[in-house]
Amino acid sequence: MRVLKYTFVASLILLVAACSSRNPDPLIKEEVQASAQEDYELLKESTANAPMEIDLYQALAIAIKNNRELRIQVMDSALAKVRLMSLSLTCFPNYRLMLDIKF
């Protein structure tokens, strides 16, 4: 019991010592502005040859691709389907061999 107590106290002291020795560097306004300018130039370069006009089908494809809620809903329904199949197979283990189930 004493060994556990000493180990706990020693690890607690090490944790406090490790966390207290960190000194964050302050942000300098000029460095932040230079970094933002570099990011802006990189963004301008990467979008220079992007198409400016898109048709309806491209817009719908982009919207579906970037729609997080739709992707989550599709993943949840697929997960629910797999869970339902798994549950039905565990309820009827004798019939599992006769079924040809594809996930």
Protein backbone atom coordinates (compact mmCIF):
# COMPACT_ATOMS: atom_id res chain seq x y z
CA MET A 1 0.00 0.00 0.00
CA ARG A 2 2.88 2.37 0.82
CA VAL A 3 4.51 1.68 -2.53
CA LEU A 4 1.31 2.60 -4.33
CA LYS A 5 1.02 5.81 -2.31
CA TYR A 6 4.64 6.82 -3.03
CA THR A 7 4.24 5.97 -6.71
CA PHE A 8 1.10 8.10 -6.91
CA VAL A 9 2.74 11.05 -5.15
CA ALA A 10 5.87 10.79 -7.32
CA SER A 11 3.86 10.68 -10.54
CA LEU A 12 1.77 13.63 -9.36
CA ILE A 13 4.92 15.64 -8.63
CA LEU A 14 6.33 14.75 -12.06
CA LEU A 15 3.09 15.78 -13.74
CA VAL A 16 3.02 19.14 -11.99
CA ALA A 17 6.70 19.73 -12.76
CA ALA A 18 6.21 18.87 -16.43
CA CYS A 19 3.24 21.18 -16.80
CA SER A 20 4.82 24.08 -14.96
CA SER A 21 7.97 24.27 -17.10
CA ARG A 22 6.15 25.32 -20.26
CA ASN A 23 6.63 28.92 -21.33
CA PRO A 24 4.57 29.82 -24.40
CA ASP A 25 6.06 32.21 -26.92
CA PRO A 26 4.05 35.40 -27.35
CA LEU A 27 2.48 36.14 -30.71
CA ILE A 28 4.14 38.98 -32.56
CA LYS A 29 1.86 41.09 -34.72
CA GLU A 30 4.28 41.26 -37.65
CA GLU A 31 4.79 37.50 -37.72
CA VAL A 32 1.05 36.87 -37.64
CA GLN A 33 0.47 39.33 -40.48
CA ALA A 34 3.30 37.80 -42.54
CA SER A 35 1.89 34.31 -42.02
CA ALA A 36 -1.60 35.49 -42.97
CA GLN A 37 -0.22 37.15 -46.11
CA GLU A 38 1.59 33.94 -47.10
CA ASP A 39 -1.58 31.93 -46.59
CA TYR A 40 -3.56 34.43 -48.66
CA GLU A 41 -1.05 34.24 -51.52
CA LEU A 42 -1.12 30.44 -51.43
CA LEU A 43 -4.91 30.48 -51.50
CA LYS A 44 -4.93 32.94 -54.40
CA GLU A 45 -2.48 30.72 -56.34
CA SER A 46 -4.45 27.54 -55.78
CA THR A 47 -7.75 29.10 -56.87
CA ALA A 48 -6.39 30.99 -59.87
CA ASN A 49 -7.33 28.34 -62.42
CA ALA A 50 -10.54 27.19 -60.73
CA PRO A 51 -13.67 27.50 -62.88
CA MET A 52 -15.62 30.64 -62.07
CA GLU A 53 -18.95 29.39 -63.40
CA ILE A 54 -20.41 25.99 -62.62
CA ASP A 55 -23.61 24.39 -63.79
CA LEU A 56 -26.41 23.00 -61.67
CA TYR A 57 -25.10 19.43 -61.66
CA GLN A 58 -21.65 20.50 -60.48
CA ALA A 59 -23.22 22.64 -57.75
CA LEU A 60 -25.37 19.73 -56.56
CA ALA A 61 -22.37 17.37 -56.59
CA ILE A 62 -20.33 19.82 -54.51
CA ALA A 63 -23.24 20.38 -52.11
CA ILE A 64 -23.76 16.64 -51.58
CA LYS A 65 -20.02 16.07 -51.16
CA ASN A 66 -19.69 18.82 -48.55
CA ASN A 67 -22.99 18.22 -46.74
CA ARG A 68 -21.86 16.87 -43.39
CA GLU A 69 -25.35 16.19 -42.06
CA LEU A 70 -26.24 14.08 -45.10
CA ARG A 71 -23.04 12.03 -44.79
CA ILE A 72 -23.69 11.48 -41.08
CA GLN A 73 -27.25 10.41 -41.80
CA VAL A 74 -26.13 7.91 -44.45
CA MET A 75 -23.45 6.49 -42.13
CA ASP A 76 -25.94 6.20 -39.25
CA SER A 77 -28.46 4.36 -41.42
CA ALA A 78 -25.76 1.96 -42.66
CA LEU A 79 -24.61 1.34 -39.09
CA ALA A 80 -28.19 0.74 -37.96
CA LYS A 81 -28.67 -1.73 -40.79
CA VAL A 82 -25.54 -3.67 -39.83
CA ARG A 83 -26.58 -3.70 -36.17
CA LEU A 84 -30.06 -4.94 -37.10
CA MET A 85 -28.61 -7.73 -39.23
CA SER A 86 -26.18 -8.66 -36.44
CA LEU A 87 -28.98 -8.70 -33.90
CA SER A 88 -31.21 -10.81 -36.09
CA LEU A 89 -28.38 -13.30 -36.63
CA THR A 90 -27.69 -13.58 -32.91
CA CYS A 91 -31.38 -14.17 -32.17
CA PHE A 92 -31.58 -17.02 -34.65
CA PRO A 93 -28.16 -18.71 -34.68
CA ASN A 94 -29.45 -21.95 -36.24
CA TYR A 95 -30.70 -20.19 -39.36
CA ARG A 96 -27.50 -18.25 -39.88
CA LEU A 97 -25.98 -20.97 -42.05
CA MET A 98 -28.95 -21.02 -44.43
CA LEU A 99 -28.93 -17.27 -45.14
CA ASP A 100 -26.79 -15.63 -47.79
CA ILE A 101 -26.34 -12.15 -46.35
CA LYS A 102 -24.15 -9.55 -48.00
CA PHE A 103 -23.14 -6.46 -46.06
